[in-house]
Amino acid sequence: MGAILFIVAYILFLPLTVINYWYVENKEGYFKSSAISLDKFANREFRTLWNKILRTENGHKFGVIEETISSALGKNEQLGTLTKTGKRLVWLLNKLDKNHCVKSIKI
């Protein structure tokens, strides 16, 4: 039953986002706010994966509730505890937004 609920929730997410956007009165920042919420969810939900592939054993752990993936990456960048994959992801995010991960630590 859990798998079915997961699939239904996943299928409904995008159309409900579009419908919700239609009804929201203040659209400024809507998608950024949604992206941050998804980022926090993904940090917690996929913490086992992130902790295996993005940081070294002694690094800052992913999965802290209310922390974004970018924030955890930024902390590991500062600690020098990113794996090669983690460094590549930080590089990509920094190409999109200069110093993205370090700046996101404040979020």
N, C-alpha and C. Protein backbone atom coordinates (compact mmCIF):
# COMPACT_ATOMS: atom_id res chain seq x y z
N MET A 1 0.83 -1.20 0.00
CA MET A 1 0.00 0.00 0.00
C MET A 1 0.86 1.26 0.00
N GLY A 2 1.98 1.22 0.73
CA GLY A 2 2.87 2.38 0.78
C GLY A 2 3.41 2.75 -0.58
N ALA A 3 3.74 1.74 -1.39
CA ALA A 3 4.27 2.00 -2.73
C ALA A 3 3.22 2.67 -3.61
N ILE A 4 1.99 2.24 -3.49
CA ILE A 4 0.91 2.84 -4.28
C ILE A 4 0.70 4.30 -3.88
N LEU A 5 0.69 4.56 -2.59
CA LEU A 5 0.54 5.94 -2.12
C LEU A 5 1.69 6.82 -2.60
N PHE A 6 2.90 6.25 -2.59
CA PHE A 6 4.07 6.99 -3.08
C PHE A 6 3.89 7.36 -4.55
N ILE A 7 3.47 6.42 -5.37
CA ILE A 7 3.28 6.66 -6.81
C ILE A 7 2.20 7.70 -7.04
N VAL A 8 1.09 7.59 -6.33
CA VAL A 8 0.00 8.57 -6.48
C VAL A 8 0.48 9.96 -6.08
N ALA A 9 1.18 10.07 -4.96
CA ALA A 9 1.69 11.37 -4.52
C ALA A 9 2.66 11.95 -5.54
N TYR A 10 3.53 11.11 -6.06
CA TYR A 10 4.52 11.54 -7.04
C TYR A 10 3.85 12.04 -8.33
N ILE A 11 2.85 11.31 -8.79
CA ILE A 11 2.13 11.68 -10.02
C ILE A 11 1.36 12.99 -9.82
N LEU A 12 0.79 13.20 -8.66
CA LEU A 12 -0.03 14.39 -8.41
C LEU A 12 0.79 15.65 -8.14
N PHE A 13 2.04 15.50 -7.77
CA PHE A 13 2.82 16.64 -7.33
C PHE A 13 2.92 17.75 -8.37
N LEU A 14 3.34 17.45 -9.58
CA LEU A 14 3.53 18.49 -10.60
C LEU A 14 2.21 19.16 -11.00
N PRO A 15 1.15 18.39 -11.33
CA PRO A 15 -0.09 19.09 -11.68
C PRO A 15 -0.65 19.93 -10.53
N LEU A 16 -0.54 19.44 -9.30
CA LEU A 16 -1.03 20.22 -8.17
C LEU A 16 -0.20 21.48 -7.95
N THR A 17 1.08 21.42 -8.25
CA THR A 17 1.93 22.60 -8.16
C THR A 17 1.45 23.67 -9.13
N VAL A 18 1.15 23.26 -10.35
CA VAL A 18 0.67 24.20 -11.37
C VAL A 18 -0.68 24.79 -10.96
N ILE A 19 -1.58 23.94 -10.50
CA ILE A 19 -2.91 24.41 -10.07
C ILE A 19 -2.77 25.36 -8.88
N ASN A 20 -1.95 25.00 -7.92
CA ASN A 20 -1.74 25.85 -6.75
C ASN A 20 -1.18 27.21 -7.15
N TYR A 21 -0.23 27.21 -8.08
CA TYR A 21 0.36 28.47 -8.55
C TYR A 21 -0.73 29.38 -9.13
N TRP A 22 -1.68 28.80 -9.81
CA TRP A 22 -2.78 29.56 -10.40
C TRP A 22 -3.56 30.31 -9.32
N TYR A 23 -3.74 29.68 -8.15
CA TYR A 23 -4.54 30.27 -7.08
C TYR A 23 -3.75 31.19 -6.14
N VAL A 24 -2.46 31.06 -6.12
CA VAL A 24 -1.63 31.88 -5.22
C VAL A 24 -1.72 33.34 -5.64
N GLU A 25 -1.98 34.21 -4.69
CA GLU A 25 -2.10 35.63 -5.01
C GLU A 25 -0.74 36.28 -5.20
N ASN A 26 0.21 36.01 -4.31
CA ASN A 26 1.54 36.60 -4.42
C ASN A 26 2.48 35.56 -5.04
N LYS A 27 2.70 35.67 -6.34
CA LYS A 27 3.48 34.68 -7.06
C LYS A 27 4.99 34.90 -6.95
N GLU A 28 5.40 36.07 -6.45
CA GLU A 28 6.82 36.37 -6.34
C GLU A 28 7.49 35.40 -5.37
N GLY A 29 8.51 34.72 -5.84
CA GLY A 29 9.26 33.79 -5.00
C GLY A 29 8.61 32.43 -4.82
N TYR A 30 7.49 32.19 -5.49
CA TYR A 30 6.76 30.92 -5.32
C TYR A 30 7.65 29.72 -5.64
N PHE A 31 8.28 29.75 -6.81
CA PHE A 31 9.06 28.59 -7.23
C PHE A 31 10.36 28.45 -6.43
N LYS A 32 10.94 29.57 -6.01
CA LYS A 32 12.14 29.48 -5.17
C LYS A 32 11.78 28.85 -3.83
N SER A 33 10.68 29.27 -3.26
CA SER A 33 10.22 28.71 -1.99
C SER A 33 9.94 27.22 -2.13
N SER A 34 9.29 26.83 -3.23
CA SER A 34 9.01 25.42 -3.47
C SER A 34 10.30 24.62 -3.65
N ALA A 35 11.27 25.21 -4.35
CA ALA A 35 12.56 24.54 -4.57
C ALA A 35 13.28 24.31 -3.25
N ILE A 36 13.25 25.28 -2.36
CA ILE A 36 13.90 25.13 -1.05
C ILE A 36 13.21 24.04 -0.24
N SER A 37 11.88 24.00 -0.29
CA SER A 37 11.14 22.96 0.43
C SER A 37 11.50 21.57 -0.10
N LEU A 38 11.56 21.44 -1.42
CA LEU A 38 11.95 20.16 -2.02
C LEU A 38 13.38 19.78 -1.66
N ASP A 39 14.25 20.77 -1.65
CA ASP A 39 15.65 20.56 -1.30
C ASP A 39 15.77 20.02 0.12
N LYS A 40 15.04 20.61 1.05
CA LYS A 40 15.06 20.16 2.44
C LYS A 40 14.52 18.73 2.56
N PHE A 41 13.44 18.47 1.83
CA PHE A 41 12.85 17.12 1.83
C PHE A 41 13.85 16.11 1.29
N ALA A 42 14.48 16.43 0.16
CA ALA A 42 15.43 15.50 -0.47
C ALA A 42 16.65 15.29 0.42
N ASN A 43 17.09 16.31 1.13
CA ASN A 43 18.22 16.16 2.05
C ASN A 43 17.89 15.12 3.12
N ARG A 44 16.70 15.19 3.66
CA ARG A 44 16.30 14.25 4.71
C ARG A 44 15.98 12.87 4.14
N GLU A 45 15.22 12.84 3.06
CA GLU A 45 14.74 11.57 2.49
C GLU A 45 15.88 10.71 1.94
N PHE A 46 16.85 11.34 1.30
CA PHE A 46 17.93 10.59 0.64
C PHE A 46 19.25 10.67 1.40
N ARG A 47 19.18 10.92 2.71
CA ARG A 47 20.38 11.12 3.52
C ARG A 47 21.36 9.96 3.45
N THR A 48 20.86 8.74 3.38
CA THR A 48 21.77 7.59 3.32
C THR A 48 22.60 7.65 2.05
N LEU A 49 21.96 7.93 0.93
CA LEU A 49 22.67 8.05 -0.35
C LEU A 49 23.67 9.20 -0.31
N TRP A 50 23.22 10.38 0.11
CA TRP A 50 24.11 11.55 0.13
C TRP A 50 25.31 11.30 1.04
N ASN A 51 25.08 10.68 2.20
CA ASN A 51 26.19 10.43 3.13
C ASN A 51 27.20 9.43 2.57
N LYS A 52 26.77 8.56 1.67
CA LYS A 52 27.67 7.58 1.04
C LYS A 52 28.46 8.19 -0.11
N ILE A 53 27.80 9.05 -0.91
CA ILE A 53 28.44 9.48 -2.17
C ILE A 53 28.95 10.92 -2.20
N LEU A 54 28.53 11.76 -1.26
CA LEU A 54 28.89 13.18 -1.34
C LEU A 54 29.87 13.66 -0.28
N ARG A 55 30.08 12.89 0.78
CA ARG A 55 30.97 13.33 1.85
C ARG A 55 31.87 12.18 2.29
N THR A 56 32.99 12.55 2.89
CA THR A 56 33.85 11.53 3.48
C THR A 56 33.29 11.14 4.85
N GLU A 57 33.86 10.12 5.43
CA GLU A 57 33.33 9.55 6.67
C GLU A 57 33.22 10.56 7.81
N ASN A 58 34.14 11.48 7.91
CA ASN A 58 34.13 12.43 9.03
C ASN A 58 33.45 13.76 8.71
N GLY A 59 32.79 13.85 7.56
CA GLY A 59 32.17 15.10 7.17
C GLY A 59 30.85 15.38 7.88
N HIS A 60 30.33 16.57 7.63
CA HIS A 60 29.02 16.97 8.15
C HIS A 60 27.97 16.07 7.52
N LYS A 61 27.11 15.48 8.33
CA LYS A 61 26.12 14.53 7.83
C LYS A 61 24.95 15.22 7.14
N PHE A 62 24.53 14.63 6.04
CA PHE A 62 23.31 15.03 5.37
C PHE A 62 22.13 14.46 6.14
N GLY A 63 20.97 15.09 5.99
CA GLY A 63 19.76 14.58 6.61
C GLY A 63 19.25 15.38 7.78
N VAL A 64 19.94 16.46 8.13
CA VAL A 64 19.48 17.31 9.23
C VAL A 64 18.15 17.94 8.81
N ILE A 65 17.15 17.78 9.64
CA ILE A 65 15.82 18.31 9.32
C ILE A 65 15.91 19.83 9.15
N GLU A 66 15.24 20.33 8.12
CA GLU A 66 15.19 21.76 7.77
C GLU A 66 16.48 22.29 7.16
N GLU A 67 17.45 21.42 6.87
CA GLU A 67 18.67 21.86 6.19
C GLU A 67 18.58 21.45 4.73
N THR A 68 19.06 22.30 3.84
CA THR A 68 19.07 21.97 2.42
C THR A 68 20.30 21.14 2.07
N ILE A 69 20.23 20.47 0.94
CA ILE A 69 21.38 19.73 0.42
C ILE A 69 22.53 20.70 0.20
N SER A 70 22.22 21.85 -0.36
CA SER A 70 23.25 22.85 -0.65
C SER A 70 23.96 23.30 0.62
N SER A 71 23.22 23.47 1.70
CA SER A 71 23.82 23.87 2.97
C SER A 71 24.77 22.79 3.48
N ALA A 72 24.34 21.55 3.43
CA ALA A 72 25.21 20.44 3.86
C ALA A 72 26.44 20.35 2.97
N LEU A 73 26.26 20.56 1.67
CA LEU A 73 27.41 20.57 0.75
C LEU A 73 28.36 21.70 1.13
N GLY A 74 27.81 22.88 1.41
CA GLY A 74 28.64 24.03 1.78
C GLY A 74 29.44 23.78 3.04
N LYS A 75 28.82 23.15 4.03
CA LYS A 75 29.53 22.84 5.27
C LYS A 75 30.66 21.84 5.01
N ASN A 76 30.38 20.85 4.17
CA ASN A 76 31.42 19.87 3.82
C ASN A 76 32.51 20.49 2.96
N GLU A 77 32.13 21.44 2.13
CA GLU A 77 33.14 22.16 1.33
C GLU A 77 34.10 22.90 2.27
N GLN A 78 33.55 23.59 3.25
CA GLN A 78 34.37 24.33 4.21
C GLN A 78 35.25 23.40 5.06
N LEU A 79 34.73 22.22 5.36
CA LEU A 79 35.48 21.25 6.16
C LEU A 79 36.49 20.46 5.33
N GLY A 80 36.38 20.55 4.00
CA GLY A 80 37.25 19.77 3.12
C GLY A 80 36.91 18.29 3.14
N THR A 81 35.62 17.97 3.32
CA THR A 81 35.19 16.58 3.45
C THR A 81 34.25 16.13 2.33
N LEU A 82 34.37 16.75 1.16
CA LEU A 82 33.58 16.33 0.01
C LEU A 82 34.30 15.22 -0.75
N THR A 83 33.52 14.28 -1.26
CA THR A 83 34.08 13.28 -2.17
C THR A 83 34.23 13.91 -3.54
N LYS A 84 34.77 13.17 -4.49
CA LYS A 84 34.88 13.69 -5.87
C LYS A 84 33.50 14.03 -6.41
N THR A 85 32.53 13.17 -6.14
CA THR A 85 31.16 13.42 -6.60
C THR A 85 30.60 14.68 -5.94
N GLY A 86 30.85 14.84 -4.65
CA GLY A 86 30.40 16.04 -3.94
C GLY A 86 31.03 17.29 -4.51
N LYS A 87 32.33 17.22 -4.82
CA LYS A 87 33.02 18.37 -5.40
C LYS A 87 32.45 18.72 -6.77
N ARG A 88 32.11 17.72 -7.55
CA ARG A 88 31.52 17.97 -8.87
C ARG A 88 30.15 18.64 -8.74
N LEU A 89 29.36 18.18 -7.80
CA LEU A 89 28.04 18.78 -7.59
C LEU A 89 28.17 20.22 -7.12
N VAL A 90 29.09 20.49 -6.21
CA VAL A 90 29.33 21.86 -5.75
C VAL A 90 29.79 22.72 -6.93
N TRP A 91 30.67 22.20 -7.75
CA TRP A 91 31.16 22.94 -8.93
C TRP A 91 29.98 23.31 -9.83
N LEU A 92 29.09 22.35 -10.09
CA LEU A 92 27.93 22.61 -10.95
C LEU A 92 27.02 23.67 -10.33
N LEU A 93 26.72 23.54 -9.07
CA LEU A 93 25.85 24.53 -8.40
C LEU A 93 26.49 25.91 -8.38
N ASN A 94 27.81 25.95 -8.22
CA ASN A 94 28.51 27.24 -8.23
C ASN A 94 28.53 27.86 -9.62
N LYS A 95 28.46 27.05 -10.66
CA LYS A 95 28.36 27.59 -12.03
C LYS A 95 27.00 28.26 -12.23
N LEU A 96 25.98 27.70 -11.62
CA LEU A 96 24.63 28.26 -11.74
C LEU A 96 24.46 29.50 -10.86
N ASP A 97 25.13 29.50 -9.71
CA ASP A 97 24.99 30.59 -8.73
C ASP A 97 26.30 30.65 -7.95
N LYS A 98 27.08 31.70 -8.16
CA LYS A 98 28.41 31.82 -7.56
C LYS A 98 28.36 31.60 -6.04
N ASN A 99 29.22 30.72 -5.55
CA ASN A 99 29.31 30.38 -4.12
C ASN A 99 27.99 29.90 -3.53
N HIS A 100 27.21 29.22 -4.35
CA HIS A 100 25.86 28.80 -3.96
C HIS A 100 25.83 28.03 -2.63
N CYS A 101 26.67 27.02 -2.53
CA CYS A 101 26.60 26.15 -1.35
C CYS A 101 27.01 26.86 -0.07
N VAL A 102 28.07 27.63 -0.13
CA VAL A 102 28.51 28.37 1.07
C VAL A 102 27.45 29.41 1.44
N LYS A 103 26.90 30.11 0.45
CA LYS A 103 25.85 31.10 0.74
C LYS A 103 24.61 30.45 1.34
N SER A 104 24.33 29.21 0.96
CA SER A 104 23.11 28.55 1.42
C SER A 104 23.18 28.11 2.87
N ILE A 105 24.35 28.13 3.46
CA ILE A 105 24.48 27.73 4.87
C ILE A 105 23.60 28.61 5.75
N LYS A 106 23.35 29.83 5.35
CA LYS A 106 22.52 30.76 6.13
C LYS A 106 21.04 30.43 6.04
N ILE A 107 20.66 29.62 5.05
CA ILE A 107 19.23 29.31 4.85
C ILE A 107 18.74 28.36 5.93
